[in-house]
N, C-alpha and C. Protein backbone atom coordinates (compact mmCIF):
# COMPACT_ATOMS: atom_id res chain seq x y z
N ASP A 1 18.36 -9.22 -19.88
CA ASP A 1 16.98 -9.07 -20.27
C ASP A 1 16.36 -10.40 -20.51
N ILE A 2 15.05 -10.47 -20.11
CA ILE A 2 14.31 -11.65 -20.34
C ILE A 2 13.18 -11.24 -21.36
N ALA A 3 12.98 -12.12 -22.44
CA ALA A 3 11.94 -11.87 -23.37
C ALA A 3 10.81 -12.67 -23.14
N VAL A 4 9.57 -12.04 -23.26
CA VAL A 4 8.31 -12.70 -23.19
C VAL A 4 7.56 -12.23 -24.37
N LYS A 5 7.47 -12.99 -25.39
CA LYS A 5 6.81 -12.57 -26.66
C LYS A 5 7.52 -11.22 -27.04
N ASP A 6 6.80 -10.11 -27.18
CA ASP A 6 7.46 -8.83 -27.58
C ASP A 6 7.73 -7.95 -26.34
N PHE A 7 7.56 -8.52 -25.16
CA PHE A 7 7.90 -7.75 -23.99
C PHE A 7 9.31 -8.12 -23.55
N ARG A 8 10.02 -7.11 -23.04
CA ARG A 8 11.39 -7.29 -22.48
C ARG A 8 11.33 -6.86 -21.03
N ILE A 9 11.91 -7.73 -20.15
CA ILE A 9 12.05 -7.44 -18.83
C ILE A 9 13.55 -7.09 -18.56
N ASN A 10 13.86 -5.83 -18.16
CA ASN A 10 15.25 -5.52 -17.86
C ASN A 10 15.36 -5.65 -16.33
N ILE A 11 16.05 -6.67 -15.96
CA ILE A 11 16.20 -7.03 -14.56
C ILE A 11 17.13 -5.98 -13.78
N GLN A 12 18.13 -5.40 -14.44
CA GLN A 12 18.97 -4.47 -13.79
C GLN A 12 18.29 -3.16 -13.49
N ASN A 13 17.48 -2.69 -14.42
CA ASN A 13 16.73 -1.40 -14.26
C ASN A 13 15.37 -1.59 -13.65
N ARG A 14 14.94 -2.87 -13.64
CA ARG A 14 13.58 -3.23 -13.03
C ARG A 14 12.43 -2.59 -13.95
N THR A 15 12.59 -2.69 -15.27
CA THR A 15 11.65 -2.14 -16.13
C THR A 15 11.14 -3.18 -17.10
N VAL A 16 9.96 -2.83 -17.78
CA VAL A 16 9.40 -3.68 -18.75
C VAL A 16 9.13 -2.83 -20.00
N HIS A 17 9.48 -3.34 -21.16
CA HIS A 17 9.28 -2.61 -22.37
C HIS A 17 8.55 -3.53 -23.36
N PHE A 18 7.79 -2.86 -24.25
CA PHE A 18 7.15 -3.57 -25.30
C PHE A 18 7.58 -2.92 -26.64
N ASN A 19 8.38 -3.69 -27.44
CA ASN A 19 8.84 -3.03 -28.70
C ASN A 19 9.61 -1.84 -28.45
N GLY A 20 10.38 -1.69 -27.40
CA GLY A 20 11.12 -0.47 -27.03
C GLY A 20 10.40 0.50 -26.27
N GLU A 21 9.08 0.47 -26.14
CA GLU A 21 8.34 1.43 -25.40
C GLU A 21 8.19 0.93 -23.94
N ARG A 22 8.50 1.81 -22.95
CA ARG A 22 8.54 1.49 -21.59
C ARG A 22 7.04 1.38 -21.07
N ILE A 23 6.80 0.36 -20.32
CA ILE A 23 5.39 0.24 -19.69
C ILE A 23 5.59 0.66 -18.23
N ASN A 24 4.74 1.58 -17.85
CA ASN A 24 4.83 2.11 -16.55
C ASN A 24 4.13 1.19 -15.50
N LEU A 25 4.90 0.30 -14.90
CA LEU A 25 4.40 -0.60 -13.88
C LEU A 25 4.86 -0.09 -12.50
N THR A 26 3.93 -0.47 -11.46
CA THR A 26 4.36 -0.19 -10.12
C THR A 26 5.45 -1.24 -9.78
N LYS A 27 6.01 -1.04 -8.59
CA LYS A 27 7.09 -1.93 -8.11
C LYS A 27 6.43 -3.34 -7.94
N LYS A 28 5.32 -3.48 -7.32
CA LYS A 28 4.67 -4.74 -7.11
C LYS A 28 4.31 -5.38 -8.41
N GLU A 29 3.79 -4.64 -9.39
CA GLU A 29 3.37 -5.18 -10.66
C GLU A 29 4.62 -5.80 -11.37
N TYR A 30 5.70 -5.00 -11.35
CA TYR A 30 6.97 -5.52 -11.89
C TYR A 30 7.38 -6.84 -11.24
N GLU A 31 7.39 -6.82 -9.89
CA GLU A 31 7.84 -8.02 -9.17
C GLU A 31 6.96 -9.29 -9.48
N ILE A 32 5.66 -9.03 -9.50
CA ILE A 32 4.74 -10.18 -9.89
C ILE A 32 5.12 -10.69 -11.30
N PHE A 33 5.21 -9.76 -12.23
CA PHE A 33 5.45 -10.25 -13.65
C PHE A 33 6.76 -10.85 -13.73
N ASN A 34 7.84 -10.38 -13.14
CA ASN A 34 9.11 -10.91 -13.14
C ASN A 34 9.11 -12.38 -12.50
N TYR A 35 8.48 -12.49 -11.38
CA TYR A 35 8.42 -13.74 -10.68
C TYR A 35 7.69 -14.79 -11.47
N LEU A 36 6.56 -14.45 -12.10
CA LEU A 36 5.82 -15.37 -12.88
C LEU A 36 6.62 -15.82 -14.20
N VAL A 37 7.32 -14.76 -14.72
CA VAL A 37 8.16 -15.12 -15.94
C VAL A 37 9.38 -16.00 -15.59
N LEU A 38 9.95 -15.80 -14.46
CA LEU A 38 11.08 -16.54 -14.01
C LEU A 38 10.59 -17.99 -13.69
N ASN A 39 9.33 -18.18 -13.39
CA ASN A 39 8.76 -19.51 -13.03
C ASN A 39 7.74 -19.90 -14.18
N LYS A 40 8.05 -19.58 -15.42
CA LYS A 40 7.17 -19.77 -16.57
C LYS A 40 6.79 -21.18 -16.58
N ASN A 41 5.65 -21.33 -17.16
CA ASN A 41 4.93 -22.67 -17.33
C ASN A 41 4.65 -23.47 -16.01
N ARG A 42 4.84 -22.80 -14.96
CA ARG A 42 4.55 -23.37 -13.62
C ARG A 42 3.43 -22.62 -12.94
N VAL A 43 2.50 -23.25 -12.27
CA VAL A 43 1.39 -22.65 -11.50
C VAL A 43 2.12 -22.07 -10.29
N ILE A 44 1.89 -20.76 -10.09
CA ILE A 44 2.39 -20.15 -8.90
C ILE A 44 1.11 -19.74 -7.97
N SER A 45 1.08 -20.31 -6.86
CA SER A 45 -0.10 -20.06 -5.94
C SER A 45 -0.16 -18.59 -5.43
N ARG A 46 -1.23 -18.09 -5.11
CA ARG A 46 -1.35 -16.79 -4.55
C ARG A 46 -0.43 -16.61 -3.32
N THR A 47 -0.44 -17.59 -2.48
CA THR A 47 0.38 -17.59 -1.24
C THR A 47 1.87 -17.51 -1.59
N ASN A 48 2.36 -18.23 -2.58
CA ASN A 48 3.68 -18.27 -2.94
C ASN A 48 4.00 -16.90 -3.50
N LEU A 49 3.16 -16.29 -4.34
CA LEU A 49 3.32 -14.95 -4.96
C LEU A 49 3.44 -13.92 -3.78
N THR A 50 2.52 -14.10 -2.89
CA THR A 50 2.46 -13.15 -1.77
C THR A 50 3.77 -13.19 -1.00
N GLU A 51 4.24 -14.32 -0.60
CA GLU A 51 5.46 -14.45 0.10
C GLU A 51 6.59 -13.88 -0.64
N HIS A 52 6.69 -14.13 -2.00
CA HIS A 52 7.86 -13.53 -2.76
C HIS A 52 7.78 -12.05 -2.92
N VAL A 53 6.61 -11.55 -3.13
CA VAL A 53 6.51 -10.14 -3.43
C VAL A 53 6.37 -9.20 -2.22
N TRP A 54 5.59 -9.70 -1.17
CA TRP A 54 5.28 -8.83 0.00
C TRP A 54 6.13 -9.28 1.21
N GLY A 55 6.66 -10.50 1.12
CA GLY A 55 7.42 -10.99 2.28
C GLY A 55 6.58 -11.86 3.13
N ASP A 56 6.64 -11.64 4.52
CA ASP A 56 5.95 -12.36 5.51
C ASP A 56 4.47 -12.39 5.14
N VAL A 57 3.93 -13.59 4.90
CA VAL A 57 2.41 -13.70 4.62
C VAL A 57 1.56 -13.81 5.88
N LEU A 58 2.20 -14.01 7.12
CA LEU A 58 1.44 -14.32 8.30
C LEU A 58 0.54 -13.14 8.67
N GLU A 59 0.97 -11.82 8.35
CA GLU A 59 0.22 -10.72 8.83
C GLU A 59 -0.83 -10.30 7.78
N ILE A 60 -0.97 -11.04 6.71
CA ILE A 60 -1.95 -10.78 5.67
C ILE A 60 -3.26 -11.49 5.83
N ASN A 61 -4.34 -10.70 5.64
CA ASN A 61 -5.73 -11.36 5.79
C ASN A 61 -5.93 -12.30 4.61
N SER A 62 -6.16 -13.58 4.82
CA SER A 62 -6.30 -14.53 3.75
C SER A 62 -7.54 -14.26 2.90
N ASP A 63 -8.48 -13.43 3.38
CA ASP A 63 -9.71 -13.22 2.61
C ASP A 63 -9.40 -12.05 1.66
N SER A 64 -8.34 -11.42 1.76
CA SER A 64 -8.01 -10.18 0.97
C SER A 64 -7.79 -10.60 -0.42
N ASN A 65 -8.12 -9.76 -1.44
CA ASN A 65 -7.94 -10.03 -2.83
C ASN A 65 -6.81 -9.13 -3.41
N PHE A 66 -5.93 -8.61 -2.61
CA PHE A 66 -4.97 -7.60 -3.02
C PHE A 66 -4.08 -8.22 -4.18
N VAL A 67 -3.68 -9.50 -4.01
CA VAL A 67 -2.95 -10.05 -5.14
C VAL A 67 -3.66 -10.05 -6.44
N ASP A 68 -4.96 -10.46 -6.43
CA ASP A 68 -5.75 -10.46 -7.59
C ASP A 68 -5.93 -9.09 -8.20
N VAL A 69 -5.97 -8.12 -7.33
CA VAL A 69 -6.17 -6.60 -7.77
C VAL A 69 -4.80 -6.20 -8.52
N HIS A 70 -3.60 -6.50 -7.93
CA HIS A 70 -2.42 -6.18 -8.60
C HIS A 70 -2.26 -6.94 -9.95
N VAL A 71 -2.63 -8.23 -9.95
CA VAL A 71 -2.55 -8.93 -11.25
C VAL A 71 -3.49 -8.41 -12.21
N LYS A 72 -4.63 -8.03 -11.82
CA LYS A 72 -5.64 -7.45 -12.80
C LYS A 72 -5.08 -6.14 -13.35
N ASN A 73 -4.47 -5.31 -12.48
CA ASN A 73 -3.85 -4.06 -12.98
C ASN A 73 -2.67 -4.33 -13.93
N LEU A 74 -1.90 -5.28 -13.60
CA LEU A 74 -0.79 -5.68 -14.44
C LEU A 74 -1.27 -6.19 -15.79
N ARG A 75 -2.23 -7.08 -15.79
CA ARG A 75 -2.79 -7.53 -17.02
C ARG A 75 -3.40 -6.40 -17.88
N LYS A 76 -4.09 -5.50 -17.22
CA LYS A 76 -4.64 -4.35 -18.03
C LYS A 76 -3.60 -3.60 -18.72
N LYS A 77 -2.47 -3.26 -18.04
CA LYS A 77 -1.37 -2.56 -18.62
C LYS A 77 -0.73 -3.35 -19.77
N LEU A 78 -0.40 -4.59 -19.53
CA LEU A 78 0.14 -5.43 -20.62
C LEU A 78 -0.69 -5.56 -21.79
N SER A 79 -2.00 -5.74 -21.57
CA SER A 79 -2.92 -5.98 -22.68
C SER A 79 -3.20 -4.84 -23.54
N GLN A 80 -2.83 -3.61 -23.15
CA GLN A 80 -2.83 -2.46 -23.97
C GLN A 80 -1.83 -2.54 -25.14
N PHE A 81 -0.89 -3.45 -25.05
CA PHE A 81 0.17 -3.55 -26.01
C PHE A 81 -0.08 -4.83 -26.93
N GLU A 82 -0.53 -5.90 -26.38
CA GLU A 82 -0.57 -7.11 -27.10
C GLU A 82 -1.57 -8.07 -26.33
N THR A 83 -2.24 -9.02 -27.13
CA THR A 83 -3.03 -10.00 -26.45
C THR A 83 -2.15 -10.88 -25.55
N ILE A 84 -2.63 -11.09 -24.25
CA ILE A 84 -1.82 -11.78 -23.39
C ILE A 84 -2.49 -13.07 -22.95
N ASP A 85 -2.94 -13.86 -23.90
CA ASP A 85 -3.58 -15.19 -23.56
C ASP A 85 -2.66 -16.11 -22.85
N TRP A 86 -1.32 -15.83 -22.87
CA TRP A 86 -0.41 -16.66 -22.22
C TRP A 86 -0.31 -16.52 -20.74
N PHE A 87 -1.00 -15.38 -20.21
CA PHE A 87 -0.95 -15.05 -18.85
C PHE A 87 -2.27 -15.63 -18.32
N GLU A 88 -2.20 -16.76 -17.50
CA GLU A 88 -3.37 -17.59 -17.27
C GLU A 88 -3.69 -17.51 -15.68
N THR A 89 -4.95 -17.48 -15.42
CA THR A 89 -5.37 -17.62 -14.03
C THR A 89 -5.72 -19.09 -13.88
N VAL A 90 -5.25 -19.73 -12.89
CA VAL A 90 -5.52 -21.11 -12.56
C VAL A 90 -6.58 -21.08 -11.44
N ARG A 91 -7.73 -21.31 -11.70
CA ARG A 91 -8.78 -21.09 -10.76
C ARG A 91 -8.57 -21.78 -9.35
N SER A 92 -8.83 -20.96 -8.33
CA SER A 92 -8.65 -21.38 -6.93
C SER A 92 -7.24 -21.62 -6.49
N ILE A 93 -6.33 -21.45 -7.36
CA ILE A 93 -4.84 -21.74 -7.10
C ILE A 93 -3.95 -20.48 -7.21
N GLY A 94 -3.86 -19.98 -8.50
CA GLY A 94 -2.92 -18.89 -8.66
C GLY A 94 -2.90 -18.52 -10.13
N TYR A 95 -1.63 -18.34 -10.59
CA TYR A 95 -1.37 -17.86 -12.02
C TYR A 95 -0.17 -18.67 -12.67
N ARG A 96 -0.21 -18.59 -13.95
CA ARG A 96 0.84 -19.23 -14.74
C ARG A 96 1.07 -18.33 -15.97
N VAL A 97 2.32 -18.21 -16.34
CA VAL A 97 2.75 -17.50 -17.60
C VAL A 97 3.24 -18.75 -18.52
N ASN A 98 2.52 -18.92 -19.59
CA ASN A 98 2.79 -20.02 -20.46
C ASN A 98 3.60 -19.46 -21.69
N ILE A 99 4.81 -19.66 -21.67
CA ILE A 99 5.67 -19.19 -22.81
C ILE A 99 6.69 -20.23 -23.18
């Protein structure tokens, strides 16, 4: 398990819990959160996130905001449990989890 404040990521079961309560994340939301946490305190570009979570980035329209939409949904779910000011958007680049 990986701890992020009061959140726990269970890598084996691919789940996230807050103080023992399971948070219902989609597969992509889980993968985004897990990848950002594994790369904590580093800015992860949208391209890097896309390649890691979706695979081949060449077929994806660069104007699409699907990564931002998934991150927005993930933030919404996490923030229902706790303030997540450590989950940062780095303007024009990507995201960073500061823990």
